[in-house]
Structure formats: structure tokens, C-alpha cells
Amino acid sequence: MVEAPATIATLIAQGTAAFRASGIDEPRRDALRLWSDLALPTAHLLRTDASVAAADADRYLAAVAARAAGAPLAYVTGWTGFRHLTIRCDRRALIPRPETEGLVERALSRVSTGIAVDVGTGTGAIALSLAMEGRFDEVWGIDLSGDALSLAAENGTSTGISVRWVHGDLLDPIARGRVDLIVSNPPYLTANEYDTLPSSVRDYEPELALRSGTDGLDATRRLLQRAQEALKPGGWIAMEVDCRRADAAAASASDGGWRDIVIEDDLFGRARYLLARRGTE
């Protein structure tokens, strides 16, 4: 007996059932979104009785299985949107969050020319956005992870945006007093907070991009100290911080001699962005 080819309707139904069984909220919506995000024939969604090529059906069901098992959507589909960009994503780097889009906006409101550096670049999303939306002479993306840098370079190639990708710890590769803007979404979780993350984050996204010492502020303190050396007088730093420790991060900046320190909220109303300027003396 010849097996009938799968249709859109039967595949979406299978995806919905798998997502419902795994506890995903709004399982049918996610099943439809997964189909669309995999760049499968979306025009056929208007005719759910349309048959689907075996290769497309297999690809969809494999993605359903991965998502139902807990893999983040961006890792399953291999991409995510970030501001005006489409960014390739995989387990080499943290998935860019919507909150980080606001970090780019706030950084560009302070500085949009000269030399900009994205510290802990990951996928390269921040560096690429700065290069695309600013008027910088040069943009650097630095990361301690060679795997993450490879992913960032791939995103640079696919977008056609020029960024200098450099391997290094924080601002080690940068000469003293050379930079106009430093932007970073550093790791900011404590060990306990990391251990209690949902498995969809802890089991898939790189620990290096998430944990930062016993109080979650190791990377923040180190970056604030090193940035004073790398920035030109009057240059700015824009950092993402954990809302539970935003005041502590601001206090650390104040203790380090930073000027014009401000904490701003993200789109969810949480204290998320630390901005500060190096003094001119």
C-alpha cells in the first residue's frame, strides 16, 4: 500500500500535538511559526490540504522533535531577527534578546561616530547593528570564545557588513585611549541563578555568556575598570545589567570615577541599561 503524502494540515496537527504534550504555550501558534521560520512553502498555508514534499516534511518533523525536547526556537530554525538584521544562531553563542536591541538604541543616542567596540560579541548582533546604523569609522567585535567569533564572522559575511572580529578577553586587544564607544551585554548571573535557569536556556546556551562570579558582577566590574583605559576622554560605555543588581552596577561605576551615570529601563519596565561617560580630565 502506497502511503499518502503528508499535507500541511497533517504536519501542523502533528506539530501542535507534540508541542501540547511537551507543555509549550499556544502549541498551534508555535507549530505554524516553526513552519514559517523554516522557510517552508508559506503560500500553501492558505491551502492546508496541499501535499508536502517528503524532504520538507522530514525537515519539519525533525524541527518539531527538537523544539518539543526543549531546544530554543532560534537554535532549531538557525536564525533570529535583531533590529534590522537577520542573524544566524546556533549553540556557539547566546541568542540575542529583544532587550538587547534597546541597548543598541541607547548606545547610538550617545555616540554614533569614531570607533565603537562590542565586548562579548557572541553572534555579532550588536557590532553589526552599530556598523549598520551608526557612522563609525571602525567597529570591533571582541569575544573570548573562538566559536562565538566564528559565528559572528559568518553573520558579518552573510549581511555584508564590515566589522573587525578579534579574539580576546574584554578589552585586552584595544590600545589605551583609542575608543569612542564601548557596548556590551556581559554575563551577569550568579552561580545559583544559572543553576536554576530553565533547561531551555541552561542546557543549550553557552555558560560562558551567562555566569559571572558569586554575585553576578565580576564581568561588569572588570569591564568598567578596563573601559576607563580604552576609552578616549569623554567616551561612553553602554552595558546591559541584571535588573536585580542595577543599583550595585551603578555604584561600581560611581566608585570607578565614571560621570553622567544613568540606569534606564527596558521595554518590560525593568532596570536594564547602564550608561556612563569617562571624564575629560
C-alpha atoms as a PDB file:
ATOM      1  CA  MET A   1       0.000   0.000   0.000  1.00  0.00           C
ATOM      2  CA  VAL A   2       1.396   3.386  -1.044  1.00  0.00           C
ATOM      3  CA  GLU A   3       1.490   5.883   1.828  1.00  0.00           C
ATOM      4  CA  ALA A   4      -0.302   9.139   1.052  1.00  0.00           C
ATOM      5  CA  PRO A   5       1.936  12.205   1.020  1.00  0.00           C
ATOM      6  CA  ALA A   6       1.784  14.435   4.074  1.00  0.00           C
ATOM      7  CA  THR A   7      -0.240  17.622   3.874  1.00  0.00           C
ATOM      8  CA  ILE A   8       0.197  20.947   5.579  1.00  0.00           C
ATOM      9  CA  ALA A   9      -2.776  20.148   7.789  1.00  0.00           C
ATOM     10  CA  THR A  10      -1.466  16.785   8.973  1.00  0.00           C
ATOM     11  CA  LEU A  11       2.019  18.145   9.675  1.00  0.00           C
ATOM     12  CA  ILE A  12       0.752  21.177  11.581  1.00  0.00           C
ATOM     13  CA  ALA A  13      -1.522  18.858  13.561  1.00  0.00           C
ATOM     14  CA  GLN A  14       1.440  16.652  14.456  1.00  0.00           C
ATOM     15  CA  GLY A  15       3.476  19.670  15.478  1.00  0.00           C
ATOM     16  CA  THR A  16       0.618  21.030  17.576  1.00  0.00           C
ATOM     17  CA  ALA A  17       0.132  17.697  19.339  1.00  0.00           C
ATOM     18  CA  ALA A  18       3.861  17.371  20.083  1.00  0.00           C
ATOM     19  CA  PHE A  19       4.062  20.893  21.467  1.00  0.00           C
ATOM     20  CA  ARG A  20       0.937  20.429  23.564  1.00  0.00           C
ATOM     21  CA  ALA A  21       2.357  17.233  25.038  1.00  0.00           C
ATOM     22  CA  SER A  22       5.635  18.988  25.897  1.00  0.00           C
ATOM     23  CA  GLY A  23       3.835  21.845  27.665  1.00  0.00           C
ATOM     24  CA  ILE A  24       4.559  24.632  25.164  1.00  0.00           C
ATOM     25  CA  ASP A  25       2.104  27.528  25.459  1.00  0.00           C
ATOM     26  CA  GLU A  26      -0.109  28.117  22.404  1.00  0.00           C
ATOM     27  CA  PRO A  27       1.083  24.941  20.640  1.00  0.00           C
ATOM     28  CA  ARG A  28      -0.702  25.565  17.334  1.00  0.00           C
ATOM     29  CA  ARG A  29       0.739  29.054  17.040  1.00  0.00           C
ATOM     30  CA  ASP A  30       4.231  27.659  17.614  1.00  0.00           C
ATOM     31  CA  ALA A  31       3.639  24.858  15.115  1.00  0.00           C
ATOM     32  CA  LEU A  32       2.654  27.400  12.471  1.00  0.00           C
ATOM     33  CA  ARG A  33       5.520  29.722  13.343  1.00  0.00           C
ATOM     34  CA  LEU A  34       8.028  26.900  13.098  1.00  0.00           C
ATOM     35  CA  TRP A  35       6.780  26.095   9.596  1.00  0.00           C
ATOM     36  CA  SER A  36       7.174  29.729   8.583  1.00  0.00           C
ATOM     37  CA  ASP A  37      10.560  30.210  10.267  1.00  0.00           C
ATOM     38  CA  LEU A  38      11.977  27.171   8.493  1.00  0.00           C
ATOM     39  CA  ALA A  39      11.225  28.962   5.199  1.00  0.00           C
ATOM     40  CA  LEU A  40       8.945  26.163   4.089  1.00  0.00           C
ATOM     41  CA  PRO A  41       6.288  26.990   1.442  1.00  0.00           C
ATOM     42  CA  THR A  42       4.234  29.534   3.404  1.00  0.00           C
ATOM     43  CA  ALA A  43       1.940  30.269   0.448  1.00  0.00           C
ATOM     44  CA  HIS A  44       0.483  26.805   0.895  1.00  0.00           C
ATOM     45  CA  LEU A  45      -0.786  27.708   4.361  1.00  0.00           C
ATOM     46  CA  LEU A  46      -3.835  29.063   2.549  1.00  0.00           C
ATOM     47  CA  ARG A  47      -4.438  25.512   1.287  1.00  0.00           C
ATOM     48  CA  THR A  48      -3.754  23.210   4.183  1.00  0.00           C
ATOM     49  CA  ASP A  49      -4.738  20.172   2.097  1.00  0.00           C
ATOM     50  CA  ALA A  50      -1.739  20.769  -0.199  1.00  0.00           C
ATOM     51  CA  SER A  51       0.725  17.886  -0.228  1.00  0.00           C
ATOM     52  CA  VAL A  52       4.257  18.436   1.059  1.00  0.00           C
ATOM     53  CA  ALA A  53       7.474  17.074  -0.419  1.00  0.00           C
ATOM     54  CA  ALA A  54       8.919  14.268   1.671  1.00  0.00           C
ATOM     55  CA  ALA A  55      12.149  16.180   2.336  1.00  0.00           C
ATOM     56  CA  ASP A  56      10.218  19.216   3.629  1.00  0.00           C
ATOM     57  CA  ALA A  57       8.008  17.009   5.793  1.00  0.00           C
ATOM     58  CA  ASP A  58      11.038  15.281   7.295  1.00  0.00           C
ATOM     59  CA  ARG A  59      12.739  18.622   7.950  1.00  0.00           C
ATOM     60  CA  TYR A  60       9.661  19.988   9.680  1.00  0.00           C
ATOM     61  CA  LEU A  61       9.109  16.935  11.865  1.00  0.00           C
ATOM     62  CA  ALA A  62      12.778  16.871  12.875  1.00  0.00           C
ATOM     63  CA  ALA A  63      12.486  20.510  13.918  1.00  0.00           C
ATOM     64  CA  VAL A  64       9.283  19.765  15.832  1.00  0.00           C
ATOM     65  CA  ALA A  65      11.048  16.981  17.730  1.00  0.00           C
ATOM     66  CA  ALA A  66      13.976  19.254  18.642  1.00  0.00           C
ATOM     67  CA  ARG A  67      11.699  22.076  19.777  1.00  0.00           C
ATOM     68  CA  ALA A  68       9.460  19.707  21.763  1.00  0.00           C
ATOM     69  CA  ALA A  69      12.569  18.363  23.503  1.00  0.00           C
ATOM     70  CA  GLY A  70      13.341  21.882  24.749  1.00  0.00           C
ATOM     71  CA  ALA A  71      15.678  23.410  22.160  1.00  0.00           C
ATOM     72  CA  PRO A  72      15.206  27.195  21.766  1.00  0.00           C
ATOM     73  CA  LEU A  73      13.361  28.202  18.609  1.00  0.00           C
ATOM     74  CA  ALA A  74      16.316  30.206  17.251  1.00  0.00           C
ATOM     75  CA  TYR A  75      18.586  27.172  17.514  1.00  0.00           C
ATOM     76  CA  VAL A  76      16.005  24.946  15.841  1.00  0.00           C
ATOM     77  CA  THR A  77      15.460  27.291  12.889  1.00  0.00           C
ATOM     78  CA  GLY A  78      19.043  28.583  12.826  1.00  0.00           C
ATOM     79  CA  TRP A  79      18.189  32.274  12.826  1.00  0.00           C
ATOM     80  CA  THR A  80      16.554  35.167  14.668  1.00  0.00           C
ATOM     81  CA  GLY A  81      15.720  38.787  13.966  1.00  0.00           C
ATOM     82  CA  PHE A  82      17.667  41.585  15.655  1.00  0.00           C
ATOM     83  CA  ARG A  83      16.737  45.192  14.908  1.00  0.00           C
ATOM     84  CA  HIS A  84      17.115  45.461  11.106  1.00  0.00           C
ATOM     85  CA  LEU A  85      19.095  42.242  10.727  1.00  0.00           C
ATOM     86  CA  THR A  86      18.550  38.542  10.280  1.00  0.00           C
ATOM     87  CA  ILE A  87      21.152  36.811  12.450  1.00  0.00           C
ATOM     88  CA  ARG A  88      22.282  33.226  12.226  1.00  0.00           C
ATOM     89  CA  CYS A  89      22.063  31.463  15.600  1.00  0.00           C
ATOM     90  CA  ASP A  90      23.404  28.208  16.975  1.00  0.00           C
ATOM     91  CA  ARG A  91      24.832  26.869  20.212  1.00  0.00           C
ATOM     92  CA  ARG A  92      28.138  28.685  19.743  1.00  0.00           C
ATOM     93  CA  ALA A  93      26.647  31.900  21.145  1.00  0.00           C
ATOM     94  CA  LEU A  94      23.852  33.322  23.269  1.00  0.00           C
ATOM     95  CA  ILE A  95      20.617  34.053  21.415  1.00  0.00           C
ATOM     96  CA  PRO A  96      20.166  37.851  21.110  1.00  0.00           C
ATOM     97  CA  ARG A  97      17.179  39.024  23.189  1.00  0.00           C
ATOM     98  CA  PRO A  98      14.745  41.861  22.423  1.00  0.00           C
ATOM     99  CA  GLU A  99      16.062  43.764  25.455  1.00  0.00           C
ATOM    100  CA  THR A 100      19.492  43.974  23.832  1.00  0.00           C
ATOM    101  CA  GLU A 101      18.006  45.783  20.854  1.00  0.00           C
ATOM    102  CA  GLY A 102      17.282  48.623  23.280  1.00  0.00           C
ATOM    103  CA  LEU A 103      20.925  48.655  24.367  1.00  0.00           C
ATOM    104  CA  VAL A 104      21.987  49.423  20.790  1.00  0.00           C
ATOM    105  CA  GLU A 105      19.455  52.251  20.572  1.00  0.00           C
ATOM    106  CA  ARG A 106      20.693  53.857  23.778  1.00  0.00           C
ATOM    107  CA  ALA A 107      24.338  53.495  22.799  1.00  0.00           C
ATOM    108  CA  LEU A 108      23.759  55.182  19.444  1.00  0.00           C
ATOM    109  CA  SER A 109      21.924  58.040  21.158  1.00  0.00           C
ATOM    110  CA  ARG A 110      25.212  58.877  22.922  1.00  0.00           C
ATOM    111  CA  VAL A 111      27.814  58.126  20.236  1.00  0.00           C
ATOM    112  CA  SER A 112      27.469  57.286  16.558  1.00  0.00           C
ATOM    113  CA  THR A 113      30.886  58.211  15.117  1.00  0.00           C
ATOM    114  CA  GLY A 114      34.529  57.340  15.692  1.00  0.00           C
ATOM    115  CA  ILE A 115      35.466  53.841  16.904  1.00  0.00           C
ATOM    116  CA  ALA A 116      32.996  51.500  18.611  1.00  0.00           C
ATOM    117  CA  VAL A 117      33.701  48.183  20.334  1.00  0.00           C
ATOM    118  CA  ASP A 118      31.244  45.417  21.189  1.00  0.00           C
ATOM    119  CA  VAL A 119      32.670  43.373  24.083  1.00  0.00           C
ATOM    120  CA  GLY A 120      31.476  39.767  24.243  1.00  0.00           C
ATOM    121  CA  THR A 121      30.069  39.991  20.746  1.00  0.00           C
ATOM    122  CA  GLY A 122      28.549  36.480  20.560  1.00  0.00           C
ATOM    123  CA  THR A 123      26.543  36.294  17.336  1.00  0.00           C
ATOM    124  CA  GLY A 124      27.859  39.738  16.387  1.00  0.00           C
ATOM    125  CA  ALA A 125      24.364  41.238  16.551  1.00  0.00           C
ATOM    126  CA  ILE A 126      25.358  44.373  18.485  1.00  0.00           C
ATOM    127  CA  ALA A 127      28.517  45.065  16.481  1.00  0.00           C
ATOM    128  CA  LEU A 128      26.732  44.563  13.167  1.00  0.00           C
ATOM    129  CA  SER A 129      23.875  46.838  14.227  1.00  0.00           C
ATOM    130  CA  LEU A 130      26.311  49.558  15.316  1.00  0.00           C
ATOM    131  CA  ALA A 131      28.136  49.314  11.990  1.00  0.00           C
ATOM    132  CA  MET A 132      24.881  49.363  10.031  1.00  0.00           C
ATOM    133  CA  GLU A 133      23.077  52.136  11.898  1.00  0.00           C
ATOM    134  CA  GLY A 134      25.949  54.349  13.046  1.00  0.00           C
ATOM    135  CA  ARG A 135      28.503  56.362  11.133  1.00  0.00           C
ATOM    136  CA  PHE A 136      31.551  54.832  12.753  1.00  0.00           C
ATOM    137  CA  ASP A 137      34.965  54.762  11.136  1.00  0.00           C
ATOM    138  CA  GLU A 138      35.533  51.326  12.639  1.00  0.00           C
ATOM    139  CA  VAL A 139      33.578  48.762  14.666  1.00  0.00           C
ATOM    140  CA  TRP A 140      35.218  45.921  16.581  1.00  0.00           C
ATOM    141  CA  GLY A 141      33.591  42.762  17.915  1.00  0.00           C
ATOM    142  CA  ILE A 142      35.615  41.049  20.656  1.00  0.00           C
ATOM    143  CA  ASP A 143      34.941  37.681  22.265  1.00  0.00           C
ATOM    144  CA  LEU A 144      36.832  35.227  24.434  1.00  0.00           C
ATOM    145  CA  SER A 145      35.103  32.335  22.662  1.00  0.00           C
ATOM    146  CA  GLY A 146      36.636  31.366  19.340  1.00  0.00           C
ATOM    147  CA  ASP A 147      33.446  29.506  18.448  1.00  0.00           C
ATOM    148  CA  ALA A 148      31.350  32.611  19.002  1.00  0.00           C
ATOM    149  CA  LEU A 149      33.732  34.689  16.884  1.00  0.00           C
ATOM    150  CA  SER A 150      33.384  32.205  14.039  1.00  0.00           C
ATOM    151  CA  LEU A 151      29.607  32.598  14.189  1.00  0.00           C
ATOM    152  CA  ALA A 152      29.889  36.390  14.308  1.00  0.00           C
ATOM    153  CA  ALA A 153      32.182  36.352  11.272  1.00  0.00           C
ATOM    154  CA  GLU A 154      29.655  34.215   9.403  1.00  0.00           C
ATOM    155  CA  ASN A 155      26.965  36.767  10.204  1.00  0.00           C
ATOM    156  CA  GLY A 156      29.262  39.531   9.017  1.00  0.00           C
ATOM    157  CA  THR A 157      29.722  37.737   5.713  1.00  0.00           C
ATOM    158  CA  SER A 158      26.027  36.975   5.249  1.00  0.00           C
ATOM    159  CA  THR A 159      24.955  40.560   5.990  1.00  0.00           C
ATOM    160  CA  GLY A 160      27.790  42.176   4.054  1.00  0.00           C
ATOM    161  CA  ILE A 161      28.566  44.487   6.989  1.00  0.00           C
ATOM    162  CA  SER A 162      32.190  45.234   7.822  1.00  0.00           C
ATOM    163  CA  VAL A 163      33.234  44.583  11.438  1.00  0.00           C
ATOM    164  CA  ARG A 164      36.681  43.724  12.781  1.00  0.00           C
ATOM    165  CA  TRP A 165      36.351  40.429  14.689  1.00  0.00           C
ATOM    166  CA  VAL A 166      39.014  39.959  17.367  1.00  0.00           C
ATOM    167  CA  HIS A 167      39.689  37.186  19.870  1.00  0.00           C
ATOM    168  CA  GLY A 168      40.403  38.407  23.389  1.00  0.00           C
ATOM    169  CA  ASP A 169      39.312  38.858  26.991  1.00  0.00           C
ATOM    170  CA  LEU A 170      37.243  42.002  27.470  1.00  0.00           C
ATOM    171  CA  LEU A 171      39.275  44.951  26.095  1.00  0.00           C
ATOM    172  CA  ASP A 172      42.725  43.349  26.063  1.00  0.00           C
ATOM    173  CA  PRO A 173      43.150  43.853  22.273  1.00  0.00           C
ATOM    174  CA  ILE A 174      42.367  47.594  22.462  1.00  0.00           C
ATOM    175  CA  ALA A 175      45.062  50.241  22.823  1.00  0.00           C
ATOM    176  CA  ARG A 176      44.712  52.802  25.610  1.00  0.00           C
ATOM    177  CA  GLY A 177      42.557  55.841  24.866  1.00  0.00           C
ATOM    178  CA  ARG A 178      41.546  54.744  21.375  1.00  0.00           C
ATOM    179  CA  VAL A 179      37.773  54.127  21.555  1.00  0.00           C
ATOM    180  CA  ASP A 180      34.751  56.452  21.481  1.00  0.00           C
ATOM    181  CA  LEU A 181      32.057  53.923  22.444  1.00  0.00           C
ATOM    182  CA  ILE A 182      32.032  50.579  24.256  1.00  0.00           C
ATOM    183  CA  VAL A 183      28.889  48.454  24.217  1.00  0.00           C
ATOM    184  CA  SER A 184      28.455  45.146  25.993  1.00  0.00           C
ATOM    185  CA  ASN A 185      25.920  42.586  27.128  1.00  0.00           C
ATOM    186  CA  PRO A 186      28.251  40.781  29.552  1.00  0.00           C
ATOM    187  CA  PRO A 187      27.414  37.703  31.639  1.00  0.00           C
ATOM    188  CA  TYR A 188      25.616  38.772  34.814  1.00  0.00           C
ATOM    189  CA  LEU A 189      24.136  35.743  36.596  1.00  0.00           C
ATOM    190  CA  THR A 190      25.271  34.248  39.874  1.00  0.00           C
ATOM    191  CA  ALA A 191      26.121  30.534  40.060  1.00  0.00           C
ATOM    192  CA  ASN A 192      22.824  29.839  41.836  1.00  0.00           C
ATOM    193  CA  GLU A 193      20.806  31.824  39.289  1.00  0.00           C
ATOM    194  CA  TYR A 194      22.493  29.946  36.473  1.00  0.00           C
ATOM    195  CA  ASP A 195      21.720  26.575  38.079  1.00  0.00           C
ATOM    196  CA  THR A 196      18.017  27.461  38.342  1.00  0.00           C
ATOM    197  CA  LEU A 197      17.615  28.669  34.749  1.00  0.00           C
ATOM    198  CA  PRO A 198      15.019  26.888  32.600  1.00  0.00           C
ATOM    199  CA  SER A 199      16.525  23.865  30.858  1.00  0.00           C
ATOM    200  CA  SER A 200      15.804  25.519  27.503  1.00  0.00           C
ATOM    201  CA  VAL A 201      18.492  28.064  28.409  1.00  0.00           C
ATOM    202  CA  ARG A 202      20.868  26.198  30.741  1.00  0.00           C
ATOM    203  CA  ASP A 203      21.117  23.056  28.597  1.00  0.00           C
ATOM    204  CA  TYR A 204      21.621  24.860  25.280  1.00  0.00           C
ATOM    205  CA  GLU A 205      23.137  28.330  25.592  1.00  0.00           C
ATOM    206  CA  PRO A 206      26.838  28.782  26.479  1.00  0.00           C
ATOM    207  CA  GLU A 207      27.602  29.074  30.185  1.00  0.00           C
ATOM    208  CA  LEU A 208      30.467  31.459  29.430  1.00  0.00           C
ATOM    209  CA  ALA A 209      27.931  34.064  28.262  1.00  0.00           C
ATOM    210  CA  LEU A 210      25.738  33.757  31.362  1.00  0.00           C
ATOM    211  CA  ARG A 211      27.645  33.179  34.627  1.00  0.00           C
ATOM    212  CA  SER A 212      29.719  35.901  36.278  1.00  0.00           C
ATOM    213  CA  GLY A 213      31.030  35.016  39.718  1.00  0.00           C
ATOM    214  CA  THR A 214      29.386  34.625  43.089  1.00  0.00           C
ATOM    215  CA  ASP A 215      27.468  37.916  42.925  1.00  0.00           C
ATOM    216  CA  GLY A 216      26.946  38.134  39.162  1.00  0.00           C
ATOM    217  CA  LEU A 217      29.020  41.311  38.878  1.00  0.00           C
ATOM    218  CA  ASP A 218      32.519  40.043  38.088  1.00  0.00           C
ATOM    219  CA  ALA A 219      32.376  40.846  34.375  1.00  0.00           C
ATOM    220  CA  THR A 220      30.617  44.159  34.983  1.00  0.00           C
ATOM    221  CA  ARG A 221      33.254  45.378  37.449  1.00  0.00           C
ATOM    222  CA  ARG A 222      36.153  44.235  35.279  1.00  0.00           C
ATOM    223  CA  LEU A 223      34.687  45.842  32.181  1.00  0.00           C
ATOM    224  CA  LEU A 224      34.024  49.148  33.920  1.00  0.00           C
ATOM    225  CA  GLN A 225      37.646  49.216  35.076  1.00  0.00           C
ATOM    226  CA  ARG A 226      39.155  48.274  31.725  1.00  0.00           C
ATOM    227  CA  ALA A 227      36.871  50.596  29.761  1.00  0.00           C
ATOM    228  CA  GLN A 228      38.317  53.630  31.556  1.00  0.00           C
ATOM    229  CA  GLU A 229      41.656  52.759  29.971  1.00  0.00           C
ATOM    230  CA  ALA A 230      40.365  52.009  26.459  1.00  0.00           C
ATOM    231  CA  LEU A 231      38.024  54.978  26.049  1.00  0.00           C
ATOM    232  CA  LYS A 232      39.030  58.425  24.926  1.00  0.00           C
ATOM    233  CA  PRO A 233      38.276  61.213  27.433  1.00  0.00           C
ATOM    234  CA  GLY A 234      34.544  61.867  27.218  1.00  0.00           C
ATOM    235  CA  GLY A 235      33.845  58.474  25.643  1.00  0.00           C
ATOM    236  CA  TRP A 236      30.808  56.395  26.623  1.00  0.00           C
ATOM    237  CA  ILE A 237      30.070  52.893  27.819  1.00  0.00           C
ATOM    238  CA  ALA A 238      26.639  51.246  27.430  1.00  0.00           C
ATOM    239  CA  MET A 239      26.085  47.966  29.225  1.00  0.00           C
ATOM    240  CA  GLU A 240      23.233  45.576  29.821  1.00  0.00           C
ATOM    241  CA  VAL A 241      22.857  44.687  33.509  1.00  0.00           C
ATOM    242  CA  ASP A 242      20.686  42.403  35.598  1.00  0.00           C
ATOM    243  CA  CYS A 243      17.738  44.412  36.919  1.00  0.00           C
ATOM    244  CA  ARG A 244      18.274  42.929  40.405  1.00  0.00           C
ATOM    245  CA  ARG A 245      21.764  44.409  40.525  1.00  0.00           C
ATOM    246  CA  ALA A 246      21.368  47.600  38.506  1.00  0.00           C
ATOM    247  CA  ASP A 247      21.949  49.808  41.548  1.00  0.00           C
ATOM    248  CA  ALA A 248      25.051  47.827  42.511  1.00  0.00           C
ATOM    249  CA  ALA A 249      26.385  48.173  38.970  1.00  0.00           C
ATOM    250  CA  ALA A 250      25.779  51.923  39.050  1.00  0.00           C
ATOM    251  CA  ALA A 251      27.544  52.155  42.424  1.00  0.00           C
ATOM    252  CA  SER A 252      30.515  50.299  40.978  1.00  0.00           C
ATOM    253  CA  ALA A 253      30.628  52.797  38.109  1.00  0.00           C
ATOM    254  CA  SER A 254      30.496  55.689  40.556  1.00  0.00           C
ATOM    255  CA  ASP A 255      33.298  54.209  42.652  1.00  0.00           C
ATOM    256  CA  GLY A 256      35.351  53.881  39.460  1.00  0.00           C
ATOM    257  CA  GLY A 257      35.117  57.570  38.649  1.00  0.00           C
ATOM    258  CA  TRP A 258      32.559  57.415  35.826  1.00  0.00           C
ATOM    259  CA  ARG A 259      30.473  60.512  35.037  1.00  0.00           C
ATOM    260  CA  ASP A 260      26.860  61.058  33.921  1.00  0.00           C
ATOM    261  CA  ILE A 261      25.842  57.611  35.175  1.00  0.00           C
ATOM    262  CA  VAL A 262      22.276  56.606  34.391  1.00  0.00           C
ATOM    263  CA  ILE A 263      20.219  53.407  34.605  1.00  0.00           C
ATOM    264  CA  GLU A 264      17.409  53.108  32.051  1.00  0.00           C
ATOM    265  CA  ASP A 265      14.535  50.637  31.788  1.00  0.00           C
ATOM    266  CA  ASP A 266      13.996  48.053  29.064  1.00  0.00           C
ATOM    267  CA  LEU A 267      10.767  47.531  27.143  1.00  0.00           C
ATOM    268  CA  PHE A 268       9.389  45.486  30.039  1.00  0.00           C
ATOM    269  CA  GLY A 269       9.950  48.296  32.547  1.00  0.00           C
ATOM    270  CA  ARG A 270      12.952  46.638  34.223  1.00  0.00           C
ATOM    271  CA  ALA A 271      16.181  48.458  35.083  1.00  0.00           C
ATOM    272  CA  ARG A 272      18.390  47.080  32.302  1.00  0.00           C
ATOM    273  CA  TYR A 273      20.865  49.553  30.807  1.00  0.00           C
ATOM    274  CA  LEU A 274      23.833  51.257  32.451  1.00  0.00           C
ATOM    275  CA  LEU A 275      25.268  54.237  30.588  1.00  0.00           C
ATOM    276  CA  ALA A 276      28.238  56.253  31.764  1.00  0.00           C
ATOM    277  CA  ARG A 277      30.853  58.630  30.404  1.00  0.00           C
ATOM    278  CA  ARG A 278      34.577  58.797  31.035  1.00  0.00           C
ATOM    279  CA  GLY A 279      35.670  62.107  32.486  1.00  0.00           C
ATOM    280  CA  THR A 280      37.531  64.608  30.346  1.00  0.00           C
ATOM    281  CA  GLU A 281      40.253  65.451  32.894  1.00  0.00           C
END
